[in-house]
Structure formats: structure tokens, C-alpha cells
Amino acid sequence: MRFVVTGEWSRNRLLQTIVVLYVLYVAGLWVTNFLLYFHKMGLSYTSVVEYYLGSEARFLQPRSYQGLLEISHFHFFAMGMLLLVLTHLILFVPLRNGTKVWLIALPFVSALLEEGASWLVRFAHPGFAYLKIASFLLLQGSLLALMVISLWSVFAASSRNYQSGEG
């Protein structure tokens, strides 16, 4: 954090390299997340419902309690760590604090909704498929925004990047 507060962020090529490489790594995760989602289901209500509740016509079994539990267990840890790092970078970009609050809160909320929607579709009501679709798109969009803003901050870095109390 010292590098950002003191303005060394814009002069420390190693730190900039780390951030750029991290964002490229996250971009790989982002792309594979899309590919996995669309391999399993699509953006249609029916595809989401069939994935979680099963489909005799497509020979799909319903998602099991244990299966969802194992996926949630891993996702809560992995997404928490990913979002911790990505949103932490937003603290140091030259944006209004109100914008930063949205950029930090939205990914966490959408990740929780996206994970919770799986459970709700399977065990509460199929209508939550719409929440699953919307939260997936919101999560992917917010991750993309975090990556782009982080890269922008590295390449347009200045000693003004740390703004406290503005907005």
C-alpha cells in the first residue's frame, strides 16, 4: 500500500508488472468462467432450470445437495480471495469514493447472489433461474470492470491515485 500512497505506484515497474500479470491471470479465469457456464447452460430460463432440476429428455440428473455444497465451499473461498485482491486495487485508483463503493460492493453482492441462486433454483423455486442469469452477468460484468480499471490505473498511474475522503 505504501507504493500507492506515496506515489511510487507510477514509478515501480515491478509492482506494475505484478498487477498486470495478475489481471491477465484473472482474465483467463473470466474467460473460462464464461466457457464453463455456457458449456453447462445458457442464458435461457429453461437451460438453467434443466441444469439444476434435471431433464429426462436430455438425460440430466438434478444437482445433488452434496454437489452444490462442494461447489459452494470452493467458490466461497476462491471468489472471496479473488474479490479481495481485485477490489483492494480499486482503493488506489483515481475515482470518486462513491464510484469505488459501487465497484467494491457490486462484485461481492453479485457473487453471493450467483452462488445462492443455484441453491434457490434447485431447492426453492425454478423462478430463481432469472436471478441466476442476472447475477452471473452482473458478476462477469463487474469482474471485467475491475480488470479494466486496474489496468487503466497501472498505465495512467499518478501520485493522485490515492484519494481519501473525496466524493
N, C-alpha and C. Protein backbone atom coordinates (compact mmCIF):
# COMPACT_ATOMS: atom_id res chain seq x y z
N MET A 1 0.83 -1.18 0.00
CA MET A 1 0.00 0.00 0.00
C MET A 1 0.88 1.25 0.00
N ARG A 2 2.05 1.16 0.60
CA ARG A 2 2.95 2.31 0.66
C ARG A 2 3.24 2.84 -0.74
N PHE A 3 3.37 1.92 -1.72
CA PHE A 3 3.71 2.33 -3.08
C PHE A 3 2.64 3.22 -3.69
N VAL A 4 1.40 2.97 -3.34
CA VAL A 4 0.30 3.74 -3.91
C VAL A 4 0.15 5.07 -3.18
N VAL A 5 0.23 5.05 -1.86
CA VAL A 5 0.04 6.25 -1.06
C VAL A 5 1.14 7.28 -1.35
N THR A 6 2.37 6.81 -1.49
CA THR A 6 3.49 7.72 -1.71
C THR A 6 3.67 8.11 -3.17
N GLY A 7 2.91 7.49 -4.06
CA GLY A 7 3.05 7.81 -5.48
C GLY A 7 4.08 6.95 -6.19
N GLU A 8 4.73 6.05 -5.46
CA GLU A 8 5.72 5.17 -6.08
C GLU A 8 5.07 4.19 -7.06
N TRP A 9 3.77 4.04 -6.96
CA TRP A 9 3.00 3.15 -7.84
C TRP A 9 3.36 3.41 -9.30
N SER A 10 3.44 4.69 -9.66
CA SER A 10 3.69 5.04 -11.06
C SER A 10 5.14 4.87 -11.45
N ARG A 11 6.03 4.69 -10.47
CA ARG A 11 7.46 4.54 -10.77
C ARG A 11 7.98 3.13 -10.52
N ASN A 12 7.20 2.29 -9.89
CA ASN A 12 7.67 0.95 -9.55
C ASN A 12 7.22 -0.04 -10.63
N ARG A 13 8.12 -0.32 -11.57
CA ARG A 13 7.80 -1.20 -12.69
C ARG A 13 7.50 -2.62 -12.24
N LEU A 14 8.15 -3.09 -11.18
CA LEU A 14 7.89 -4.45 -10.70
C LEU A 14 6.47 -4.57 -10.16
N LEU A 15 6.03 -3.57 -9.40
CA LEU A 15 4.67 -3.58 -8.87
C LEU A 15 3.66 -3.51 -10.02
N GLN A 16 3.92 -2.67 -10.99
CA GLN A 16 3.04 -2.57 -12.14
C GLN A 16 2.99 -3.90 -12.90
N THR A 17 4.14 -4.54 -13.03
CA THR A 17 4.19 -5.84 -13.71
C THR A 17 3.36 -6.88 -12.97
N ILE A 18 3.46 -6.89 -11.65
CA ILE A 18 2.67 -7.83 -10.84
C ILE A 18 1.18 -7.61 -11.06
N VAL A 19 0.74 -6.36 -11.04
CA VAL A 19 -0.68 -6.06 -11.22
C VAL A 19 -1.14 -6.47 -12.62
N VAL A 20 -0.34 -6.15 -13.63
CA VAL A 20 -0.71 -6.50 -15.00
C VAL A 20 -0.79 -8.02 -15.16
N LEU A 21 0.19 -8.74 -14.65
CA LEU A 21 0.19 -10.20 -14.77
C LEU A 21 -0.98 -10.80 -13.99
N TYR A 22 -1.29 -10.24 -12.83
CA TYR A 22 -2.43 -10.72 -12.05
C TYR A 22 -3.73 -10.53 -12.82
N VAL A 23 -3.89 -9.36 -13.40
CA VAL A 23 -5.11 -9.08 -14.16
C VAL A 23 -5.21 -10.01 -15.38
N LEU A 24 -4.08 -10.29 -16.03
CA LEU A 24 -4.11 -11.23 -17.15
C LEU A 24 -4.51 -12.63 -16.67
N TYR A 25 -4.03 -13.02 -15.52
CA TYR A 25 -4.40 -14.31 -14.94
C TYR A 25 -5.90 -14.34 -14.63
N VAL A 26 -6.41 -13.26 -14.07
CA VAL A 26 -7.85 -13.17 -13.77
C VAL A 26 -8.65 -13.17 -15.07
N ALA A 27 -8.11 -12.56 -16.11
CA ALA A 27 -8.79 -12.58 -17.41
C ALA A 27 -8.96 -14.02 -17.90
N GLY A 28 -7.95 -14.85 -17.67
CA GLY A 28 -8.07 -16.26 -18.01
C GLY A 28 -9.18 -16.93 -17.22
N LEU A 29 -9.28 -16.60 -15.95
CA LEU A 29 -10.36 -17.13 -15.12
C LEU A 29 -11.71 -16.64 -15.64
N TRP A 30 -11.77 -15.38 -16.01
CA TRP A 30 -13.00 -14.77 -16.51
C TRP A 30 -13.48 -15.49 -17.77
N VAL A 31 -12.57 -15.74 -18.71
CA VAL A 31 -12.93 -16.41 -19.96
C VAL A 31 -13.38 -17.84 -19.67
N THR A 32 -12.63 -18.56 -18.85
CA THR A 32 -13.01 -19.95 -18.57
C THR A 32 -14.31 -20.02 -17.79
N ASN A 33 -14.60 -19.00 -16.99
CA ASN A 33 -15.88 -18.96 -16.28
C ASN A 33 -17.03 -18.88 -17.28
N PHE A 34 -16.88 -18.03 -18.29
CA PHE A 34 -17.88 -17.96 -19.35
C PHE A 34 -18.03 -19.30 -20.06
N LEU A 35 -16.90 -19.88 -20.43
CA LEU A 35 -16.93 -21.15 -21.17
C LEU A 35 -17.60 -22.25 -20.35
N LEU A 36 -17.27 -22.33 -19.05
CA LEU A 36 -17.88 -23.34 -18.20
C LEU A 36 -19.39 -23.13 -18.06
N TYR A 37 -19.77 -21.89 -17.86
CA TYR A 37 -21.19 -21.58 -17.70
C TYR A 37 -21.96 -22.01 -18.95
N PHE A 38 -21.45 -21.61 -20.11
CA PHE A 38 -22.18 -21.90 -21.34
C PHE A 38 -22.04 -23.35 -21.79
N HIS A 39 -21.08 -24.05 -21.26
CA HIS A 39 -20.99 -25.49 -21.51
C HIS A 39 -22.10 -26.22 -20.75
N LYS A 40 -22.43 -25.72 -19.55
CA LYS A 40 -23.44 -26.35 -18.70
C LYS A 40 -24.85 -25.87 -19.03
N MET A 41 -24.99 -24.58 -19.29
CA MET A 41 -26.32 -24.00 -19.52
C MET A 41 -26.15 -22.72 -20.33
N GLY A 42 -27.24 -22.04 -20.56
CA GLY A 42 -27.18 -20.80 -21.32
C GLY A 42 -27.85 -19.67 -20.56
N LEU A 43 -28.24 -18.66 -21.28
CA LEU A 43 -28.90 -17.51 -20.67
C LEU A 43 -30.42 -17.63 -20.74
N SER A 44 -30.90 -18.83 -20.98
CA SER A 44 -32.35 -19.03 -21.02
C SER A 44 -32.83 -19.65 -19.71
N TYR A 45 -34.03 -19.31 -19.35
CA TYR A 45 -34.66 -19.86 -18.16
C TYR A 45 -34.63 -21.39 -18.19
N THR A 46 -35.03 -21.95 -19.32
CA THR A 46 -35.13 -23.41 -19.45
C THR A 46 -33.79 -24.09 -19.24
N SER A 47 -32.73 -23.55 -19.81
CA SER A 47 -31.42 -24.20 -19.68
C SER A 47 -30.94 -24.21 -18.23
N VAL A 48 -31.20 -23.14 -17.50
CA VAL A 48 -30.80 -23.07 -16.09
C VAL A 48 -31.62 -24.05 -15.26
N VAL A 49 -32.91 -24.06 -15.47
CA VAL A 49 -33.79 -24.97 -14.72
C VAL A 49 -33.41 -26.42 -15.00
N GLU A 50 -33.18 -26.75 -16.26
CA GLU A 50 -32.81 -28.14 -16.60
C GLU A 50 -31.48 -28.52 -15.97
N TYR A 51 -30.53 -27.60 -15.91
CA TYR A 51 -29.24 -27.91 -15.32
C TYR A 51 -29.38 -28.24 -13.84
N TYR A 52 -30.17 -27.47 -13.11
CA TYR A 52 -30.29 -27.68 -11.67
C TYR A 52 -31.34 -28.71 -11.27
N LEU A 53 -32.44 -28.79 -12.03
CA LEU A 53 -33.52 -29.71 -11.67
C LEU A 53 -33.49 -31.01 -12.48
N GLY A 54 -32.64 -31.06 -13.47
CA GLY A 54 -32.55 -32.26 -14.30
C GLY A 54 -33.50 -32.21 -15.47
N SER A 55 -33.27 -33.12 -16.41
CA SER A 55 -34.12 -33.20 -17.60
C SER A 55 -34.09 -34.63 -18.11
N GLU A 56 -35.25 -35.25 -18.12
CA GLU A 56 -35.33 -36.61 -18.65
C GLU A 56 -35.01 -36.63 -20.13
N ALA A 57 -35.45 -35.63 -20.86
CA ALA A 57 -35.22 -35.58 -22.30
C ALA A 57 -33.73 -35.49 -22.63
N ARG A 58 -32.96 -34.78 -21.79
CA ARG A 58 -31.52 -34.62 -22.03
C ARG A 58 -30.69 -35.55 -21.14
N PHE A 59 -31.35 -36.42 -20.43
CA PHE A 59 -30.69 -37.39 -19.52
C PHE A 59 -29.81 -36.69 -18.48
N LEU A 60 -30.31 -35.59 -17.95
CA LEU A 60 -29.59 -34.85 -16.90
C LEU A 60 -30.19 -35.16 -15.55
N GLN A 61 -29.35 -35.49 -14.60
CA GLN A 61 -29.78 -35.70 -13.23
C GLN A 61 -29.86 -34.34 -12.53
N PRO A 62 -30.75 -34.20 -11.54
CA PRO A 62 -30.77 -32.96 -10.76
C PRO A 62 -29.46 -32.80 -9.99
N ARG A 63 -29.07 -31.56 -9.76
CA ARG A 63 -27.87 -31.31 -8.95
C ARG A 63 -28.14 -31.80 -7.54
N SER A 64 -27.19 -32.47 -6.96
CA SER A 64 -27.37 -33.01 -5.61
C SER A 64 -26.99 -31.98 -4.55
N TYR A 65 -27.51 -32.19 -3.37
CA TYR A 65 -27.17 -31.34 -2.23
C TYR A 65 -25.66 -31.35 -2.01
N GLN A 66 -25.06 -32.53 -2.01
CA GLN A 66 -23.61 -32.64 -1.78
C GLN A 66 -22.83 -31.96 -2.90
N GLY A 67 -23.28 -32.13 -4.13
CA GLY A 67 -22.59 -31.49 -5.25
C GLY A 67 -22.61 -29.98 -5.14
N LEU A 68 -23.77 -29.42 -4.83
CA LEU A 68 -23.87 -27.97 -4.66
C LEU A 68 -23.05 -27.50 -3.46
N LEU A 69 -23.05 -28.29 -2.41
CA LEU A 69 -22.29 -27.93 -1.21
C LEU A 69 -20.79 -27.88 -1.51
N GLU A 70 -20.28 -28.85 -2.24
CA GLU A 70 -18.86 -28.87 -2.58
C GLU A 70 -18.48 -27.70 -3.47
N ILE A 71 -19.33 -27.39 -4.43
CA ILE A 71 -19.05 -26.25 -5.31
C ILE A 71 -19.10 -24.94 -4.53
N SER A 72 -20.11 -24.78 -3.68
CA SER A 72 -20.22 -23.56 -2.87
C SER A 72 -19.03 -23.41 -1.93
N HIS A 73 -18.62 -24.50 -1.33
CA HIS A 73 -17.48 -24.46 -0.40
C HIS A 73 -16.25 -23.90 -1.10
N PHE A 74 -15.95 -24.41 -2.28
CA PHE A 74 -14.79 -23.93 -3.03
C PHE A 74 -15.00 -22.51 -3.52
N HIS A 75 -16.18 -22.21 -4.06
CA HIS A 75 -16.43 -20.88 -4.62
C HIS A 75 -16.37 -19.79 -3.56
N PHE A 76 -16.90 -20.05 -2.37
CA PHE A 76 -16.85 -19.02 -1.33
C PHE A 76 -15.42 -18.64 -1.00
N PHE A 77 -14.54 -19.61 -0.92
CA PHE A 77 -13.14 -19.31 -0.63
C PHE A 77 -12.48 -18.63 -1.82
N ALA A 78 -12.57 -19.25 -2.99
CA ALA A 78 -11.85 -18.75 -4.16
C ALA A 78 -12.35 -17.37 -4.59
N MET A 79 -13.68 -17.21 -4.65
CA MET A 79 -14.21 -15.90 -5.06
C MET A 79 -13.91 -14.84 -4.01
N GLY A 80 -13.93 -15.23 -2.75
CA GLY A 80 -13.58 -14.27 -1.70
C GLY A 80 -12.16 -13.75 -1.87
N MET A 81 -11.24 -14.65 -2.14
CA MET A 81 -9.84 -14.24 -2.32
C MET A 81 -9.67 -13.40 -3.59
N LEU A 82 -10.30 -13.84 -4.66
CA LEU A 82 -10.21 -13.10 -5.91
C LEU A 82 -10.76 -11.69 -5.74
N LEU A 83 -11.93 -11.59 -5.15
CA LEU A 83 -12.55 -10.27 -4.98
C LEU A 83 -11.80 -9.41 -3.97
N LEU A 84 -11.22 -10.03 -2.97
CA LEU A 84 -10.41 -9.26 -2.01
C LEU A 84 -9.27 -8.54 -2.74
N VAL A 85 -8.57 -9.26 -3.59
CA VAL A 85 -7.43 -8.66 -4.29
C VAL A 85 -7.91 -7.64 -5.32
N LEU A 86 -8.87 -8.01 -6.16
CA LEU A 86 -9.32 -7.09 -7.21
C LEU A 86 -9.94 -5.82 -6.64
N THR A 87 -10.79 -5.96 -5.64
CA THR A 87 -11.42 -4.76 -5.08
C THR A 87 -10.42 -3.93 -4.28
N HIS A 88 -9.43 -4.57 -3.71
CA HIS A 88 -8.39 -3.83 -2.99
C HIS A 88 -7.66 -2.88 -3.94
N LEU A 89 -7.44 -3.31 -5.16
CA LEU A 89 -6.78 -2.44 -6.14
C LEU A 89 -7.61 -1.20 -6.45
N ILE A 90 -8.92 -1.31 -6.34
CA ILE A 90 -9.80 -0.18 -6.64
C ILE A 90 -9.63 0.95 -5.62
N LEU A 91 -9.20 0.61 -4.43
CA LEU A 91 -8.97 1.64 -3.41
C LEU A 91 -7.97 2.70 -3.89
N PHE A 92 -7.11 2.32 -4.81
CA PHE A 92 -5.99 3.18 -5.18
C PHE A 92 -6.12 3.81 -6.56
N VAL A 93 -7.27 3.71 -7.16
CA VAL A 93 -7.44 4.35 -8.47
C VAL A 93 -8.08 5.72 -8.28
N PRO A 94 -7.80 6.63 -9.20
CA PRO A 94 -8.30 7.99 -9.06
C PRO A 94 -9.77 8.12 -9.47
N LEU A 95 -10.65 7.61 -8.61
CA LEU A 95 -12.09 7.70 -8.83
C LEU A 95 -12.74 8.26 -7.57
N ARG A 96 -13.96 8.79 -7.73
CA ARG A 96 -14.70 9.28 -6.57
C ARG A 96 -14.99 8.12 -5.63
N ASN A 97 -15.07 8.40 -4.35
CA ASN A 97 -15.33 7.35 -3.36
C ASN A 97 -16.67 6.66 -3.59
N GLY A 98 -17.68 7.40 -4.02
CA GLY A 98 -18.97 6.79 -4.31
C GLY A 98 -18.88 5.74 -5.41
N THR A 99 -18.08 6.04 -6.43
CA THR A 99 -17.86 5.08 -7.51
C THR A 99 -17.11 3.86 -6.99
N LYS A 100 -16.12 4.10 -6.14
CA LYS A 100 -15.35 3.00 -5.57
C LYS A 100 -16.24 2.08 -4.74
N VAL A 101 -17.17 2.65 -3.99
CA VAL A 101 -18.08 1.84 -3.18
C VAL A 101 -18.86 0.88 -4.07
N TRP A 102 -19.38 1.39 -5.18
CA TRP A 102 -20.13 0.53 -6.11
C TRP A 102 -19.22 -0.53 -6.72
N LEU A 103 -18.02 -0.14 -7.11
CA LEU A 103 -17.09 -1.09 -7.73
C LEU A 103 -16.63 -2.17 -6.74
N ILE A 104 -16.68 -1.88 -5.47
CA ILE A 104 -16.29 -2.86 -4.45
C ILE A 104 -17.49 -3.72 -4.04
N ALA A 105 -18.63 -3.10 -3.82
CA ALA A 105 -19.79 -3.84 -3.31
C ALA A 105 -20.44 -4.73 -4.38
N LEU A 106 -20.55 -4.22 -5.59
CA LEU A 106 -21.26 -4.95 -6.65
C LEU A 106 -20.70 -6.34 -6.93
N PRO A 107 -19.39 -6.50 -7.05
CA PRO A 107 -18.88 -7.86 -7.30
C PRO A 107 -19.16 -8.83 -6.15
N PHE A 108 -19.03 -8.37 -4.91
CA PHE A 108 -19.31 -9.23 -3.76
C PHE A 108 -20.78 -9.64 -3.72
N VAL A 109 -21.66 -8.67 -3.92
CA VAL A 109 -23.10 -8.95 -3.89
C VAL A 109 -23.49 -9.88 -5.04
N SER A 110 -22.98 -9.60 -6.23
CA SER A 110 -23.34 -10.44 -7.37
C SER A 110 -22.77 -11.86 -7.23
N ALA A 111 -21.60 -12.00 -6.64
CA ALA A 111 -21.03 -13.34 -6.42
C ALA A 111 -21.88 -14.13 -5.42
N LEU A 112 -22.32 -13.46 -4.36
CA LEU A 112 -23.19 -14.12 -3.38
C LEU A 112 -24.53 -14.51 -4.00
N LEU A 113 -25.10 -13.60 -4.77
CA LEU A 113 -26.38 -13.90 -5.43
C LEU A 113 -26.23 -15.02 -6.44
N GLU A 114 -25.13 -15.02 -7.17
CA GLU A 114 -24.90 -16.04 -8.19
C GLU A 114 -24.78 -17.42 -7.55
N GLU A 115 -24.07 -17.48 -6.45
CA GLU A 115 -23.92 -18.77 -5.74
C GLU A 115 -25.24 -19.17 -5.08
N GLY A 116 -25.89 -18.23 -4.45
CA GLY A 116 -27.16 -18.52 -3.77
C GLY A 116 -28.27 -18.89 -4.73
N ALA A 117 -28.26 -18.31 -5.93
CA ALA A 117 -29.31 -18.59 -6.91
C ALA A 117 -29.29 -20.07 -7.32
N SER A 118 -28.13 -20.67 -7.34
CA SER A 118 -28.04 -22.10 -7.67
C SER A 118 -28.85 -22.92 -6.68
N TRP A 119 -28.67 -22.62 -5.41
CA TRP A 119 -29.40 -23.31 -4.35
C TRP A 119 -30.90 -23.03 -4.44
N LEU A 120 -31.23 -21.78 -4.72
CA LEU A 120 -32.64 -21.40 -4.77
C LEU A 120 -33.36 -22.06 -5.94
N VAL A 121 -32.70 -22.15 -7.10
CA VAL A 121 -33.32 -22.83 -8.24
C VAL A 121 -33.55 -24.30 -7.88
N ARG A 122 -32.56 -24.91 -7.28
CA ARG A 122 -32.64 -26.35 -7.01
C ARG A 122 -33.63 -26.68 -5.89
N PHE A 123 -33.63 -25.88 -4.82
CA PHE A 123 -34.39 -26.29 -3.63
C PHE A 123 -35.56 -25.38 -3.26
N ALA A 124 -35.70 -24.22 -3.90
CA ALA A 124 -36.80 -23.32 -3.54
C ALA A 124 -37.84 -23.22 -4.67
N HIS A 125 -37.43 -22.65 -5.82
CA HIS A 125 -38.37 -22.45 -6.91
C HIS A 125 -37.59 -22.23 -8.21
N PRO A 126 -38.05 -22.80 -9.31
CA PRO A 126 -37.36 -22.63 -10.58
C PRO A 126 -37.29 -21.17 -11.06
N GLY A 127 -38.19 -20.33 -10.57
CA GLY A 127 -38.19 -18.92 -10.96
C GLY A 127 -36.90 -18.20 -10.62
N PHE A 128 -36.13 -18.76 -9.69
CA PHE A 128 -34.85 -18.14 -9.35
C PHE A 128 -33.82 -18.30 -10.45
N ALA A 129 -34.18 -19.00 -11.53
CA ALA A 129 -33.28 -19.12 -12.68
C ALA A 129 -32.97 -17.73 -13.26
N TYR A 130 -33.95 -16.84 -13.21
CA TYR A 130 -33.71 -15.48 -13.70
C TYR A 130 -32.67 -14.77 -12.84
N LEU A 131 -32.71 -15.01 -11.54
CA LEU A 131 -31.69 -14.43 -10.65
C LEU A 131 -30.32 -15.01 -10.97
N LYS A 132 -30.27 -16.29 -11.26
CA LYS A 132 -29.00 -16.94 -11.61
C LYS A 132 -28.41 -16.29 -12.86
N ILE A 133 -29.21 -16.10 -13.86
CA ILE A 133 -28.74 -15.49 -15.12
C ILE A 133 -28.28 -14.05 -14.88
N ALA A 134 -29.11 -13.27 -14.20
CA ALA A 134 -28.78 -11.86 -13.96
C ALA A 134 -27.54 -11.71 -13.10
N SER A 135 -27.42 -12.53 -12.05
CA SER A 135 -26.26 -12.40 -11.16
C SER A 135 -24.99 -12.88 -11.85
N PHE A 136 -25.09 -13.89 -12.72
CA PHE A 136 -23.92 -14.32 -13.49
C PHE A 136 -23.43 -13.18 -14.38
N LEU A 137 -24.35 -12.56 -15.11
CA LEU A 137 -23.97 -11.46 -15.99
C LEU A 137 -23.42 -10.27 -15.21
N LEU A 138 -24.04 -9.98 -14.08
CA LEU A 138 -23.57 -8.87 -13.24
C LEU A 138 -22.18 -9.17 -12.68
N LEU A 139 -21.95 -10.39 -12.24
CA LEU A 139 -20.63 -10.77 -11.72
C LEU A 139 -19.58 -10.67 -12.82
N GLN A 140 -19.88 -11.23 -13.98
CA GLN A 140 -18.91 -11.18 -15.07
C GLN A 140 -18.64 -9.73 -15.49
N GLY A 141 -19.68 -8.92 -15.55
CA GLY A 141 -19.51 -7.51 -15.91
C GLY A 141 -18.69 -6.75 -14.88
N SER A 142 -18.95 -7.02 -13.61
CA SER A 142 -18.21 -6.30 -12.57
C SER A 142 -16.75 -6.76 -12.52
N LEU A 143 -16.49 -8.04 -12.76
CA LEU A 143 -15.11 -8.52 -12.83
C LEU A 143 -14.37 -7.86 -14.00
N LEU A 144 -15.05 -7.76 -15.13
CA LEU A 144 -14.45 -7.10 -16.29
C LEU A 144 -14.13 -5.64 -15.97
N ALA A 145 -15.05 -4.96 -15.33
CA ALA A 145 -14.82 -3.56 -14.95
C ALA A 145 -13.62 -3.44 -14.01
N LEU A 146 -13.52 -4.32 -13.04
CA LEU A 146 -12.39 -4.28 -12.10
C LEU A 146 -11.07 -4.51 -12.82
N MET A 147 -11.06 -5.45 -13.76
CA MET A 147 -9.82 -5.72 -14.51
C MET A 147 -9.42 -4.52 -15.37
N VAL A 148 -10.38 -3.97 -16.09
CA VAL A 148 -10.09 -2.83 -16.97
C VAL A 148 -9.62 -1.63 -16.16
N ILE A 149 -10.30 -1.33 -15.07
CA ILE A 149 -9.93 -0.18 -14.25
C ILE A 149 -8.56 -0.38 -13.60
N SER A 150 -8.27 -1.61 -13.18
CA SER A 150 -6.95 -1.89 -12.60
C SER A 150 -5.85 -1.66 -13.62
N LEU A 151 -6.06 -2.15 -14.84
CA LEU A 151 -5.06 -1.94 -15.89
C LEU A 151 -4.94 -0.46 -16.25
N TRP A 152 -6.07 0.21 -16.33
CA TRP A 152 -6.06 1.64 -16.61
C TRP A 152 -5.26 2.39 -15.54
N SER A 153 -5.45 1.99 -14.31
CA SER A 153 -4.75 2.65 -13.21
C SER A 153 -3.24 2.45 -13.30
N VAL A 154 -2.83 1.26 -13.71
CA VAL A 154 -1.39 1.00 -13.86
C VAL A 154 -0.80 1.86 -14.97
N PHE A 155 -1.49 1.93 -16.09
CA PHE A 155 -0.94 2.64 -17.24
C PHE A 155 -1.16 4.14 -17.18
N ALA A 156 -2.11 4.58 -16.37
CA ALA A 156 -2.37 6.01 -16.22
C ALA A 156 -2.08 6.44 -14.79
N ALA A 157 -1.19 5.71 -14.13
CA ALA A 157 -0.93 5.94 -12.70
C ALA A 157 -0.32 7.32 -12.47
N SER A 158 -0.67 7.86 -11.31
CA SER A 158 -0.09 9.13 -10.89
C SER A 158 -0.06 9.16 -9.37
N SER A 159 0.58 10.15 -8.83
CA SER A 159 0.65 10.27 -7.38
C SER A 159 -0.70 10.64 -6.78
N ARG A 160 -1.69 10.96 -7.64
CA ARG A 160 -3.03 11.31 -7.16
C ARG A 160 -3.92 10.09 -6.99
N ASN A 161 -3.40 8.89 -7.24
CA ASN A 161 -4.24 7.70 -7.24
C ASN A 161 -4.94 7.44 -5.91
N TYR A 162 -4.34 7.81 -4.82
CA TYR A 162 -4.98 7.54 -3.55
C TYR A 162 -5.77 8.76 -3.14
N GLN A 163 -7.09 8.62 -3.16
CA GLN A 163 -7.97 9.73 -2.80
C GLN A 163 -8.71 9.34 -1.54
N SER A 164 -8.50 10.07 -0.51
CA SER A 164 -9.25 9.78 0.72
C SER A 164 -10.24 10.90 0.97
N GLY A 165 -11.46 10.51 1.22
CA GLY A 165 -12.47 11.46 1.63
C GLY A 165 -13.16 12.21 0.52
N GLU A 166 -12.79 11.96 -0.76
CA GLU A 166 -13.46 12.67 -1.84
C GLU A 166 -14.74 11.95 -2.22
N GLY A 167 -15.64 12.64 -2.82
CA GLY A 167 -16.85 12.04 -3.37
C GLY A 167 -17.93 12.05 -2.42
